[in-house]
Amino acid sequence: MHIYANLTYFHLSKLMKMKKVPQDSNTHRNSKMTLNEVYFWTDTIKDWKPILKHDAYKEIILSSWKELVRRKKIVVYAFVIMPNHLHVVWELSEFNGKEMPHASFNKFTSHVIIQDLKRNYPKILPYLQVNEMDRKHRLWQRDPLAIRMDNRLKIEQKINYIHHNPLQPKWNLVTSPTLYQWSSADFYENGGQNHGILTHYLERF
């Protein structure tokens, strides 16, 4: 899976050397989630590196969600997959074995993507290197953001935010939310494909 076939090594190296976005040290990020509650969840690539720029890795994320949905471990209401992070509005329905579904998601996607980088792009791995007891490389940052959605207004605000992410000036990926393939915008605006994972939020609220 040669995910960066359309990029020269020079351009890829330039992307990988982008400085990480500083975070406010006074901001508390809640990453805990409980079953049968709806959350707005943000998962970010280590140091904000644009590992997800290529579509093949976005497909891995979707395939993981599809499997968890198929096994009724999660319900996905909205999402967007950006080059260095993702947002999803979802509900964790039951444990996946002995762990929460979001932990399984992070483990699976990390393993598959890092293994692909090892095979095809080992020069990228140093950007993901960590000094941890249980791993040499980390794909996802340790501090995912989880915000509980307990009413219809909150979830509608977050879904609107999600769908407009690709239009932000720093990204400028498309001119309309529905034109971005890697989100739920077209599903809500035009009744488009549900990517095999989506449930309309009005079925919940």
N, C-alpha and C. Protein backbone atom coordinates (compact mmCIF):
# COMPACT_ATOMS: atom_id res chain seq x y z
N MET A 1 0.86 -1.19 0.00
CA MET A 1 0.00 0.00 0.00
C MET A 1 0.90 1.24 0.00
N HIS A 2 1.24 1.75 -1.16
CA HIS A 2 2.16 2.88 -1.26
C HIS A 2 1.37 4.17 -1.12
N ILE A 3 1.20 4.58 0.12
CA ILE A 3 0.26 5.65 0.41
C ILE A 3 0.72 7.02 -0.04
N TYR A 4 2.02 7.23 -0.22
CA TYR A 4 2.50 8.53 -0.62
C TYR A 4 3.03 8.52 -2.05
N ALA A 5 2.44 7.68 -2.88
CA ALA A 5 2.91 7.55 -4.26
C ALA A 5 2.80 8.85 -5.03
N ASN A 6 1.87 9.72 -4.63
CA ASN A 6 1.67 10.96 -5.36
C ASN A 6 2.48 12.12 -4.78
N LEU A 7 3.37 11.83 -3.82
CA LEU A 7 4.19 12.87 -3.22
C LEU A 7 5.66 12.53 -3.40
N THR A 8 6.47 13.53 -3.71
CA THR A 8 7.90 13.30 -3.74
C THR A 8 8.40 13.21 -2.30
N TYR A 9 9.57 12.62 -2.11
CA TYR A 9 10.11 12.53 -0.75
C TYR A 9 10.36 13.91 -0.18
N PHE A 10 10.75 14.87 -1.03
CA PHE A 10 10.99 16.22 -0.55
C PHE A 10 9.72 16.82 0.05
N HIS A 11 8.61 16.69 -0.66
CA HIS A 11 7.35 17.26 -0.18
C HIS A 11 6.89 16.55 1.08
N LEU A 12 7.05 15.24 1.12
CA LEU A 12 6.63 14.49 2.30
C LEU A 12 7.44 14.89 3.52
N SER A 13 8.76 15.03 3.34
CA SER A 13 9.61 15.43 4.45
C SER A 13 9.23 16.80 4.97
N LYS A 14 8.88 17.68 4.04
CA LYS A 14 8.48 19.02 4.43
C LYS A 14 7.21 18.99 5.27
N LEU A 15 6.26 18.15 4.87
CA LEU A 15 5.03 18.00 5.64
C LEU A 15 5.31 17.46 7.04
N MET A 16 6.16 16.45 7.13
CA MET A 16 6.42 15.80 8.40
C MET A 16 7.16 16.70 9.37
N LYS A 17 7.87 17.70 8.85
CA LYS A 17 8.63 18.60 9.72
C LYS A 17 7.82 19.79 10.19
N MET A 18 6.54 19.81 9.86
CA MET A 18 5.68 20.88 10.34
C MET A 18 5.68 20.89 11.86
N LYS A 19 5.73 22.06 12.45
CA LYS A 19 5.72 22.15 13.91
C LYS A 19 4.35 21.76 14.45
N LYS A 20 4.37 21.11 15.62
CA LYS A 20 3.10 20.74 16.22
C LYS A 20 2.40 21.97 16.75
N VAL A 21 1.09 21.93 16.82
CA VAL A 21 0.30 23.05 17.31
C VAL A 21 0.41 23.12 18.82
N PRO A 22 0.81 24.26 19.38
CA PRO A 22 0.92 24.34 20.83
C PRO A 22 -0.44 24.25 21.49
N GLN A 23 -0.46 23.64 22.67
CA GLN A 23 -1.69 23.51 23.42
C GLN A 23 -1.62 24.33 24.69
N ASP A 24 -2.74 24.87 25.10
CA ASP A 24 -2.82 25.64 26.31
C ASP A 24 -2.65 24.70 27.50
N SER A 25 -1.61 24.92 28.30
CA SER A 25 -1.33 24.04 29.42
C SER A 25 -2.41 24.10 30.49
N ASN A 26 -3.24 25.14 30.47
CA ASN A 26 -4.29 25.27 31.47
C ASN A 26 -5.60 24.62 31.02
N THR A 27 -5.61 24.08 29.80
CA THR A 27 -6.83 23.47 29.29
C THR A 27 -6.88 22.00 29.69
N HIS A 28 -7.98 21.61 30.34
CA HIS A 28 -8.16 20.21 30.75
C HIS A 28 -8.90 19.48 29.64
N ARG A 29 -8.29 18.39 29.18
CA ARG A 29 -8.91 17.59 28.12
C ARG A 29 -9.44 16.31 28.75
N ASN A 30 -10.74 16.14 28.68
CA ASN A 30 -11.35 14.93 29.22
C ASN A 30 -11.39 13.86 28.14
N SER A 31 -10.78 12.71 28.40
CA SER A 31 -10.74 11.64 27.41
C SER A 31 -11.56 10.43 27.85
N LYS A 32 -12.23 10.52 28.98
CA LYS A 32 -12.99 9.38 29.47
C LYS A 32 -14.38 9.34 28.86
N MET A 33 -14.83 8.13 28.52
CA MET A 33 -16.17 7.93 27.99
C MET A 33 -16.81 6.74 28.70
N THR A 34 -18.13 6.78 28.81
CA THR A 34 -18.88 5.68 29.40
C THR A 34 -19.82 5.11 28.34
N LEU A 35 -20.25 3.88 28.56
CA LEU A 35 -21.13 3.22 27.61
C LEU A 35 -22.50 3.89 27.57
N ASN A 36 -23.13 3.82 26.38
CA ASN A 36 -24.50 4.27 26.17
C ASN A 36 -24.68 5.78 26.38
N GLU A 37 -23.62 6.53 26.15
CA GLU A 37 -23.68 7.98 26.12
C GLU A 37 -23.09 8.44 24.79
N VAL A 38 -23.57 9.56 24.27
CA VAL A 38 -23.08 10.08 23.00
C VAL A 38 -21.98 11.11 23.27
N TYR A 39 -20.90 11.01 22.51
CA TYR A 39 -19.76 11.90 22.70
C TYR A 39 -19.28 12.48 21.38
N PHE A 40 -18.79 13.71 21.46
CA PHE A 40 -17.98 14.31 20.41
C PHE A 40 -16.54 13.99 20.77
N TRP A 41 -15.86 13.25 19.91
CA TRP A 41 -14.53 12.72 20.23
C TRP A 41 -13.53 13.16 19.19
N THR A 42 -12.39 13.64 19.64
CA THR A 42 -11.32 14.08 18.75
C THR A 42 -10.09 13.23 18.99
N ASP A 43 -9.58 12.63 17.94
CA ASP A 43 -8.36 11.82 17.99
C ASP A 43 -7.33 12.47 17.09
N THR A 44 -6.13 12.72 17.61
CA THR A 44 -5.12 13.49 16.89
C THR A 44 -3.84 12.69 16.69
N ILE A 45 -3.26 12.78 15.52
CA ILE A 45 -1.99 12.13 15.24
C ILE A 45 -0.89 12.78 16.09
N LYS A 46 0.04 11.96 16.55
CA LYS A 46 1.14 12.45 17.38
C LYS A 46 1.80 13.68 16.74
N ASP A 47 1.90 14.73 17.56
CA ASP A 47 2.52 15.99 17.15
C ASP A 47 1.86 16.61 15.92
N TRP A 48 0.63 16.23 15.65
CA TRP A 48 -0.16 16.80 14.54
C TRP A 48 0.46 16.53 13.17
N LYS A 49 1.21 15.46 13.03
CA LYS A 49 1.81 15.14 11.74
C LYS A 49 0.72 14.67 10.77
N PRO A 50 0.80 15.03 9.48
CA PRO A 50 -0.27 14.74 8.51
C PRO A 50 -0.22 13.33 7.95
N ILE A 51 -0.18 12.36 8.84
CA ILE A 51 -0.12 10.95 8.43
C ILE A 51 -1.37 10.54 7.65
N LEU A 52 -2.51 11.14 7.98
CA LEU A 52 -3.77 10.75 7.34
C LEU A 52 -4.03 11.50 6.04
N LYS A 53 -3.02 12.13 5.51
CA LYS A 53 -3.21 12.90 4.28
C LYS A 53 -3.66 12.02 3.12
N HIS A 54 -3.13 10.80 3.08
CA HIS A 54 -3.48 9.92 1.98
C HIS A 54 -4.75 9.14 2.27
N ASP A 55 -5.54 8.92 1.24
CA ASP A 55 -6.85 8.29 1.40
C ASP A 55 -6.78 6.85 1.91
N ALA A 56 -5.70 6.15 1.63
CA ALA A 56 -5.60 4.76 2.07
C ALA A 56 -5.70 4.63 3.58
N TYR A 57 -5.15 5.59 4.31
CA TYR A 57 -5.21 5.52 5.77
C TYR A 57 -6.58 5.93 6.28
N LYS A 58 -7.25 6.80 5.55
CA LYS A 58 -8.63 7.12 5.91
C LYS A 58 -9.51 5.89 5.74
N GLU A 59 -9.23 5.10 4.73
CA GLU A 59 -9.99 3.87 4.50
C GLU A 59 -9.80 2.88 5.66
N ILE A 60 -8.61 2.84 6.21
CA ILE A 60 -8.36 1.97 7.36
C ILE A 60 -9.21 2.39 8.54
N ILE A 61 -9.32 3.69 8.76
CA ILE A 61 -10.16 4.20 9.84
C ILE A 61 -11.62 3.80 9.63
N LEU A 62 -12.10 3.99 8.40
CA LEU A 62 -13.48 3.63 8.09
C LEU A 62 -13.72 2.13 8.26
N SER A 63 -12.76 1.33 7.86
CA SER A 63 -12.93 -0.12 7.96
C SER A 63 -13.00 -0.56 9.42
N SER A 64 -12.25 0.10 10.28
CA SER A 64 -12.31 -0.22 11.70
C SER A 64 -13.67 0.15 12.28
N TRP A 65 -14.16 1.32 11.92
CA TRP A 65 -15.50 1.72 12.38
C TRP A 65 -16.57 0.77 11.86
N LYS A 66 -16.45 0.39 10.59
CA LYS A 66 -17.44 -0.52 10.01
C LYS A 66 -17.52 -1.83 10.78
N GLU A 67 -16.38 -2.37 11.15
CA GLU A 67 -16.36 -3.63 11.88
C GLU A 67 -16.98 -3.47 13.27
N LEU A 68 -16.67 -2.37 13.94
CA LEU A 68 -17.23 -2.14 15.27
C LEU A 68 -18.74 -1.89 15.19
N VAL A 69 -19.19 -1.22 14.13
CA VAL A 69 -20.63 -1.02 13.93
C VAL A 69 -21.30 -2.36 13.63
N ARG A 70 -20.69 -3.15 12.77
CA ARG A 70 -21.24 -4.45 12.41
C ARG A 70 -21.43 -5.34 13.64
N ARG A 71 -20.50 -5.26 14.56
CA ARG A 71 -20.55 -6.07 15.77
C ARG A 71 -21.32 -5.39 16.90
N LYS A 72 -21.94 -4.23 16.55
CA LYS A 72 -22.80 -3.49 17.49
C LYS A 72 -22.06 -3.03 18.74
N LYS A 73 -20.80 -2.64 18.54
CA LYS A 73 -20.00 -2.10 19.63
C LYS A 73 -20.10 -0.58 19.70
N ILE A 74 -20.40 0.04 18.56
CA ILE A 74 -20.51 1.50 18.50
C ILE A 74 -21.67 1.89 17.59
N VAL A 75 -22.12 3.14 17.76
CA VAL A 75 -23.05 3.78 16.84
C VAL A 75 -22.41 5.10 16.42
N VAL A 76 -22.27 5.32 15.13
CA VAL A 76 -21.62 6.53 14.62
C VAL A 76 -22.69 7.46 14.04
N TYR A 77 -22.72 8.70 14.53
CA TYR A 77 -23.71 9.67 14.08
C TYR A 77 -23.14 10.70 13.10
N ALA A 78 -21.86 11.00 13.21
CA ALA A 78 -21.22 11.96 12.31
C ALA A 78 -19.72 11.84 12.44
N PHE A 79 -19.00 12.24 11.38
CA PHE A 79 -17.54 12.16 11.44
C PHE A 79 -16.91 13.03 10.38
N VAL A 80 -15.63 13.31 10.58
CA VAL A 80 -14.76 13.87 9.54
C VAL A 80 -13.37 13.34 9.82
N ILE A 81 -12.66 12.96 8.75
CA ILE A 81 -11.27 12.52 8.86
C ILE A 81 -10.40 13.54 8.14
N MET A 82 -9.57 14.21 8.91
CA MET A 82 -8.70 15.26 8.37
C MET A 82 -7.27 14.73 8.23
N PRO A 83 -6.35 15.49 7.62
CA PRO A 83 -4.99 14.99 7.42
C PRO A 83 -4.23 14.62 8.70
N ASN A 84 -4.54 15.29 9.83
CA ASN A 84 -3.79 14.98 11.05
C ASN A 84 -4.67 14.74 12.28
N HIS A 85 -5.97 14.64 12.08
CA HIS A 85 -6.87 14.36 13.20
C HIS A 85 -8.21 13.91 12.66
N LEU A 86 -9.05 13.46 13.56
CA LEU A 86 -10.42 13.13 13.19
C LEU A 86 -11.37 13.57 14.29
N HIS A 87 -12.60 13.84 13.90
CA HIS A 87 -13.69 14.09 14.83
C HIS A 87 -14.79 13.07 14.55
N VAL A 88 -15.40 12.57 15.59
CA VAL A 88 -16.52 11.65 15.41
C VAL A 88 -17.53 11.88 16.53
N VAL A 89 -18.81 11.89 16.19
CA VAL A 89 -19.88 11.88 17.17
C VAL A 89 -20.39 10.45 17.22
N TRP A 90 -20.19 9.79 18.36
CA TRP A 90 -20.53 8.37 18.44
C TRP A 90 -20.98 7.97 19.83
N GLU A 91 -21.46 6.76 19.89
CA GLU A 91 -21.91 6.16 21.14
C GLU A 91 -21.25 4.79 21.27
N LEU A 92 -20.65 4.54 22.41
CA LEU A 92 -20.04 3.25 22.67
C LEU A 92 -21.09 2.36 23.32
N SER A 93 -21.44 1.26 22.66
CA SER A 93 -22.58 0.45 23.08
C SER A 93 -22.22 -0.65 24.07
N GLU A 94 -21.08 -1.30 23.84
CA GLU A 94 -20.65 -2.36 24.75
C GLU A 94 -19.16 -2.61 24.60
N PHE A 95 -18.59 -3.28 25.59
CA PHE A 95 -17.17 -3.58 25.55
C PHE A 95 -16.83 -4.46 24.35
N ASN A 96 -15.64 -4.24 23.82
CA ASN A 96 -15.11 -5.12 22.77
C ASN A 96 -14.12 -6.06 23.46
N GLY A 97 -14.61 -7.21 23.86
CA GLY A 97 -13.80 -8.08 24.69
C GLY A 97 -13.66 -7.48 26.07
N LYS A 98 -12.43 -7.19 26.49
CA LYS A 98 -12.18 -6.61 27.82
C LYS A 98 -11.90 -5.12 27.77
N GLU A 99 -12.03 -4.51 26.60
CA GLU A 99 -11.69 -3.10 26.49
C GLU A 99 -12.80 -2.30 25.83
N MET A 100 -12.75 -1.00 26.03
CA MET A 100 -13.73 -0.11 25.40
C MET A 100 -13.47 -0.05 23.90
N PRO A 101 -14.53 0.14 23.10
CA PRO A 101 -14.37 0.15 21.63
C PRO A 101 -13.38 1.18 21.11
N HIS A 102 -13.30 2.35 21.74
CA HIS A 102 -12.37 3.35 21.23
C HIS A 102 -10.92 2.91 21.43
N ALA A 103 -10.66 2.13 22.47
CA ALA A 103 -9.32 1.59 22.67
C ALA A 103 -8.98 0.58 21.58
N SER A 104 -9.96 -0.26 21.23
CA SER A 104 -9.76 -1.22 20.15
C SER A 104 -9.51 -0.50 18.83
N PHE A 105 -10.26 0.57 18.59
CA PHE A 105 -10.09 1.36 17.37
C PHE A 105 -8.67 1.91 17.28
N ASN A 106 -8.19 2.51 18.36
CA ASN A 106 -6.85 3.09 18.34
C ASN A 106 -5.77 2.02 18.16
N LYS A 107 -5.94 0.89 18.82
CA LYS A 107 -4.95 -0.18 18.69
C LYS A 107 -4.89 -0.72 17.26
N PHE A 108 -6.06 -0.99 16.69
CA PHE A 108 -6.09 -1.56 15.34
C PHE A 108 -5.51 -0.60 14.32
N THR A 109 -5.99 0.63 14.30
CA THR A 109 -5.53 1.59 13.30
C THR A 109 -4.05 1.88 13.47
N SER A 110 -3.58 1.98 14.72
CA SER A 110 -2.15 2.22 14.96
C SER A 110 -1.32 1.08 14.40
N HIS A 111 -1.72 -0.14 14.70
CA HIS A 111 -0.95 -1.29 14.25
C HIS A 111 -0.86 -1.35 12.72
N VAL A 112 -1.99 -1.22 12.05
CA VAL A 112 -2.02 -1.36 10.59
C VAL A 112 -1.23 -0.24 9.92
N ILE A 113 -1.43 0.97 10.36
CA ILE A 113 -0.75 2.10 9.72
C ILE A 113 0.75 2.07 9.99
N ILE A 114 1.14 1.81 11.22
CA ILE A 114 2.57 1.77 11.54
C ILE A 114 3.27 0.63 10.79
N GLN A 115 2.61 -0.52 10.69
CA GLN A 115 3.20 -1.62 9.94
C GLN A 115 3.40 -1.25 8.47
N ASP A 116 2.44 -0.52 7.90
CA ASP A 116 2.58 -0.09 6.51
C ASP A 116 3.73 0.90 6.36
N LEU A 117 3.88 1.81 7.32
CA LEU A 117 4.99 2.75 7.28
C LEU A 117 6.32 2.02 7.39
N LYS A 118 6.39 1.01 8.22
CA LYS A 118 7.63 0.24 8.36
C LYS A 118 8.03 -0.41 7.04
N ARG A 119 7.05 -0.94 6.33
CA ARG A 119 7.34 -1.62 5.07
C ARG A 119 7.71 -0.66 3.96
N ASN A 120 6.97 0.43 3.87
CA ASN A 120 7.08 1.30 2.69
C ASN A 120 7.75 2.64 2.93
N TYR A 121 7.66 3.16 4.13
CA TYR A 121 8.20 4.50 4.39
C TYR A 121 8.88 4.57 5.76
N PRO A 122 9.92 3.78 5.97
CA PRO A 122 10.58 3.73 7.28
C PRO A 122 11.18 5.07 7.71
N LYS A 123 11.48 5.95 6.75
CA LYS A 123 12.05 7.24 7.13
C LYS A 123 11.05 8.15 7.86
N ILE A 124 9.77 7.79 7.81
CA ILE A 124 8.75 8.57 8.52
C ILE A 124 8.66 8.16 9.99
N LEU A 125 9.06 6.94 10.29
CA LEU A 125 8.88 6.40 11.64
C LEU A 125 9.52 7.23 12.75
N PRO A 126 10.70 7.82 12.55
CA PRO A 126 11.27 8.63 13.64
C PRO A 126 10.36 9.74 14.15
N TYR A 127 9.48 10.22 13.29
CA TYR A 127 8.54 11.27 13.72
C TYR A 127 7.50 10.74 14.69
N LEU A 128 7.33 9.43 14.73
CA LEU A 128 6.36 8.80 15.62
C LEU A 128 7.02 8.05 16.77
N GLN A 129 8.32 8.17 16.87
CA GLN A 129 9.06 7.41 17.88
C GLN A 129 8.78 7.93 19.28
N VAL A 130 8.67 6.99 20.24
CA VAL A 130 8.44 7.33 21.65
C VAL A 130 9.31 6.43 22.51
N ASN A 131 9.52 6.86 23.72
CA ASN A 131 10.26 6.07 24.70
C ASN A 131 9.28 5.57 25.75
N GLU A 132 8.56 4.52 25.39
CA GLU A 132 7.53 3.96 26.26
C GLU A 132 7.78 2.47 26.46
N MET A 133 7.31 1.96 27.56
CA MET A 133 7.56 0.57 27.91
C MET A 133 6.94 -0.40 26.91
N ASP A 134 5.73 -0.07 26.41
CA ASP A 134 4.97 -1.02 25.61
C ASP A 134 5.04 -0.78 24.11
N ARG A 135 5.82 0.23 23.67
CA ARG A 135 5.86 0.51 22.24
C ARG A 135 7.06 1.37 21.89
N LYS A 136 7.44 1.30 20.61
CA LYS A 136 8.52 2.14 20.09
C LYS A 136 7.98 3.32 19.31
N HIS A 137 6.74 3.18 18.80
CA HIS A 137 6.14 4.24 18.00
C HIS A 137 4.71 4.48 18.46
N ARG A 138 4.27 5.71 18.37
CA ARG A 138 2.90 6.06 18.73
C ARG A 138 2.26 6.82 17.58
N LEU A 139 1.10 6.36 17.14
CA LEU A 139 0.38 7.05 16.07
C LEU A 139 -0.52 8.14 16.63
N TRP A 140 -1.36 7.78 17.59
CA TRP A 140 -2.33 8.72 18.16
C TRP A 140 -1.78 9.35 19.43
N GLN A 141 -2.02 10.62 19.62
CA GLN A 141 -1.63 11.29 20.85
C GLN A 141 -2.41 10.70 22.03
N ARG A 142 -1.86 10.91 23.22
CA ARG A 142 -2.44 10.33 24.42
C ARG A 142 -3.71 11.03 24.88
N ASP A 143 -3.97 12.22 24.41
CA ASP A 143 -5.03 13.03 25.00
C ASP A 143 -6.21 13.25 24.05
N PRO A 144 -6.94 12.21 23.66
CA PRO A 144 -8.15 12.44 22.86
C PRO A 144 -9.17 13.24 23.67
N LEU A 145 -9.91 14.05 22.97
CA LEU A 145 -10.89 14.91 23.63
C LEU A 145 -12.28 14.29 23.53
N ALA A 146 -12.95 14.12 24.66
CA ALA A 146 -14.31 13.56 24.68
C ALA A 146 -15.25 14.55 25.36
N ILE A 147 -16.29 14.95 24.65
CA ILE A 147 -17.30 15.87 25.19
C ILE A 147 -18.66 15.20 25.08
N ARG A 148 -19.35 15.05 26.19
CA ARG A 148 -20.63 14.35 26.18
C ARG A 148 -21.71 15.22 25.52
N MET A 149 -22.47 14.61 24.65
CA MET A 149 -23.57 15.27 23.96
C MET A 149 -24.88 14.83 24.61
N ASP A 150 -25.47 15.70 25.41
CA ASP A 150 -26.65 15.30 26.17
C ASP A 150 -27.94 15.98 25.72
N ASN A 151 -27.87 16.70 24.59
CA ASN A 151 -29.11 17.26 24.05
C ASN A 151 -28.95 17.53 22.55
N ARG A 152 -30.05 17.77 21.91
CA ARG A 152 -30.07 17.91 20.45
C ARG A 152 -29.30 19.13 19.97
N LEU A 153 -29.38 20.23 20.70
CA LEU A 153 -28.69 21.45 20.30
C LEU A 153 -27.18 21.24 20.28
N LYS A 154 -26.65 20.60 21.30
CA LYS A 154 -25.21 20.35 21.36
C LYS A 154 -24.73 19.50 20.19
N ILE A 155 -25.47 18.44 19.92
CA ILE A 155 -25.02 17.54 18.86
C ILE A 155 -25.12 18.21 17.49
N GLU A 156 -26.13 19.05 17.28
CA GLU A 156 -26.26 19.75 16.01
C GLU A 156 -25.13 20.76 15.83
N GLN A 157 -24.73 21.42 16.90
CA GLN A 157 -23.61 22.36 16.82
C GLN A 157 -22.31 21.64 16.47
N LYS A 158 -22.08 20.49 17.08
CA LYS A 158 -20.85 19.75 16.82
C LYS A 158 -20.84 19.15 15.42
N ILE A 159 -21.99 18.66 14.96
CA ILE A 159 -22.04 18.11 13.60
C ILE A 159 -21.77 19.21 12.57
N ASN A 160 -22.31 20.39 12.79
CA ASN A 160 -22.04 21.51 11.89
C ASN A 160 -20.56 21.86 11.90
N TYR A 161 -19.96 21.85 13.08
CA TYR A 161 -18.52 22.13 13.19
C TYR A 161 -17.71 21.07 12.45
N ILE A 162 -18.06 19.81 12.64
CA ILE A 162 -17.38 18.71 11.96
C ILE A 162 -17.42 18.89 10.45
N HIS A 163 -18.60 19.16 9.94
CA HIS A 163 -18.77 19.22 8.48
C HIS A 163 -18.07 20.42 7.85
N HIS A 164 -17.80 21.44 8.64
CA HIS A 164 -17.11 22.62 8.09
C HIS A 164 -15.60 22.59 8.32
N ASN A 165 -15.10 21.57 8.97
CA ASN A 165 -13.65 21.46 9.19
C ASN A 165 -12.84 21.55 7.91
N PRO A 166 -13.22 20.83 6.84
CA PRO A 166 -12.40 20.88 5.61
C PRO A 166 -12.38 22.25 4.93
N LEU A 167 -13.29 23.14 5.31
CA LEU A 167 -13.37 24.46 4.70
C LEU A 167 -12.56 25.51 5.46
N GLN A 168 -12.02 25.15 6.60
CA GLN A 168 -11.25 26.12 7.37
C GLN A 168 -10.08 26.64 6.55
N PRO A 169 -9.74 27.92 6.69
CA PRO A 169 -8.67 28.51 5.87
C PRO A 169 -7.36 27.75 5.91
N LYS A 170 -7.01 27.17 7.06
CA LYS A 170 -5.73 26.46 7.14
C LYS A 170 -5.74 25.17 6.34
N TRP A 171 -6.95 24.67 5.99
CA TRP A 171 -7.05 23.45 5.20
C TRP A 171 -7.49 23.77 3.77
N ASN A 172 -8.64 24.41 3.65
CA ASN A 172 -9.16 24.80 2.33
C ASN A 172 -9.17 23.61 1.36
N LEU A 173 -9.73 22.49 1.84
CA LEU A 173 -9.72 21.26 1.05
C LEU A 173 -10.83 21.20 0.01
N VAL A 174 -11.96 21.83 0.31
CA VAL A 174 -13.10 21.85 -0.60
C VAL A 174 -13.82 23.19 -0.46
N THR A 175 -14.77 23.44 -1.35
CA THR A 175 -15.53 24.69 -1.30
C THR A 175 -16.90 24.53 -0.65
N SER A 176 -17.30 23.27 -0.43
CA SER A 176 -18.59 22.98 0.20
C SER A 176 -18.44 21.73 1.04
N PRO A 177 -19.07 21.67 2.22
CA PRO A 177 -18.95 20.49 3.08
C PRO A 177 -19.30 19.18 2.37
N THR A 178 -20.29 19.21 1.50
CA THR A 178 -20.74 17.98 0.86
C THR A 178 -19.75 17.45 -0.17
N LEU A 179 -18.78 18.27 -0.57
CA LEU A 179 -17.79 17.85 -1.54
C LEU A 179 -16.64 17.07 -0.91
N TYR A 180 -16.58 17.08 0.42
CA TYR A 180 -15.50 16.37 1.09
C TYR A 180 -15.94 14.93 1.34
N GLN A 181 -15.25 14.02 0.72
CA GLN A 181 -15.64 12.61 0.74
C GLN A 181 -15.54 11.98 2.11
N TRP A 182 -14.62 12.48 2.93
CA TRP A 182 -14.28 11.80 4.18
C TRP A 182 -15.01 12.40 5.38
N SER A 183 -16.31 12.62 5.20
CA SER A 183 -17.15 13.11 6.28
C SER A 183 -18.57 12.65 6.06
N SER A 184 -19.43 12.97 7.01
CA SER A 184 -20.85 12.60 6.93
C SER A 184 -21.70 13.71 6.36
N ALA A 185 -21.09 14.78 5.84
CA ALA A 185 -21.84 15.94 5.37
C ALA A 185 -22.84 15.58 4.28
N ASP A 186 -22.41 14.82 3.27
CA ASP A 186 -23.30 14.48 2.16
C ASP A 186 -24.46 13.60 2.62
N PHE A 187 -24.21 12.77 3.60
CA PHE A 187 -25.27 11.93 4.17
C PHE A 187 -26.39 12.78 4.74
N TYR A 188 -26.03 13.84 5.46
CA TYR A 188 -27.05 14.69 6.08
C TYR A 188 -27.65 15.71 5.13
N GLU A 189 -26.86 16.24 4.23
CA GLU A 189 -27.36 17.30 3.35
C GLU A 189 -28.12 16.77 2.14
N ASN A 190 -27.66 15.65 1.59
CA ASN A 190 -28.23 15.15 0.33
C ASN A 190 -28.75 13.73 0.40
N GLY A 191 -28.73 13.14 1.59
CA GLY A 191 -29.13 11.74 1.69
C GLY A 191 -28.14 10.82 1.01
N GLY A 192 -26.88 11.24 1.00
CA GLY A 192 -25.83 10.46 0.34
C GLY A 192 -25.45 9.23 1.11
N GLN A 193 -24.34 8.60 0.69
CA GLN A 193 -23.93 7.33 1.28
C GLN A 193 -23.64 7.46 2.76
N ASN A 194 -23.91 6.39 3.48
CA ASN A 194 -23.65 6.41 4.92
C ASN A 194 -22.32 5.76 5.27
N HIS A 195 -21.53 5.44 4.25
CA HIS A 195 -20.20 4.85 4.43
C HIS A 195 -20.25 3.51 5.16
N GLY A 196 -21.43 2.94 5.27
CA GLY A 196 -21.57 1.68 5.96
C GLY A 196 -21.49 1.79 7.47
N ILE A 197 -21.58 3.02 8.00
CA ILE A 197 -21.41 3.19 9.45
C ILE A 197 -22.44 4.13 10.10
N LEU A 198 -23.08 5.00 9.32
CA LEU A 198 -23.80 6.12 9.91
C LEU A 198 -25.24 5.79 10.33
N THR A 199 -25.62 6.35 11.46
CA THR A 199 -26.99 6.38 11.94
C THR A 199 -27.38 7.84 12.13
N HIS A 200 -28.53 8.25 11.65
CA HIS A 200 -28.96 9.64 11.78
C HIS A 200 -29.15 10.00 13.26
N TYR A 201 -28.64 11.16 13.63
CA TYR A 201 -28.69 11.53 15.05
C TYR A 201 -30.11 11.70 15.56
N LEU A 202 -31.07 11.98 14.66
CA LEU A 202 -32.46 12.13 15.11
C LEU A 202 -33.07 10.81 15.57
N GLU A 203 -32.43 9.71 15.26
CA GLU A 203 -32.88 8.43 15.79
C GLU A 203 -32.50 8.28 17.27
N ARG A 204 -31.64 9.17 17.72
CA ARG A 204 -31.17 9.12 19.12
C ARG A 204 -31.70 10.27 19.95
N PHE A 205 -31.88 11.45 19.30
CA PHE A 205 -32.30 12.65 20.04
C PHE A 205 -33.66 13.14 19.54
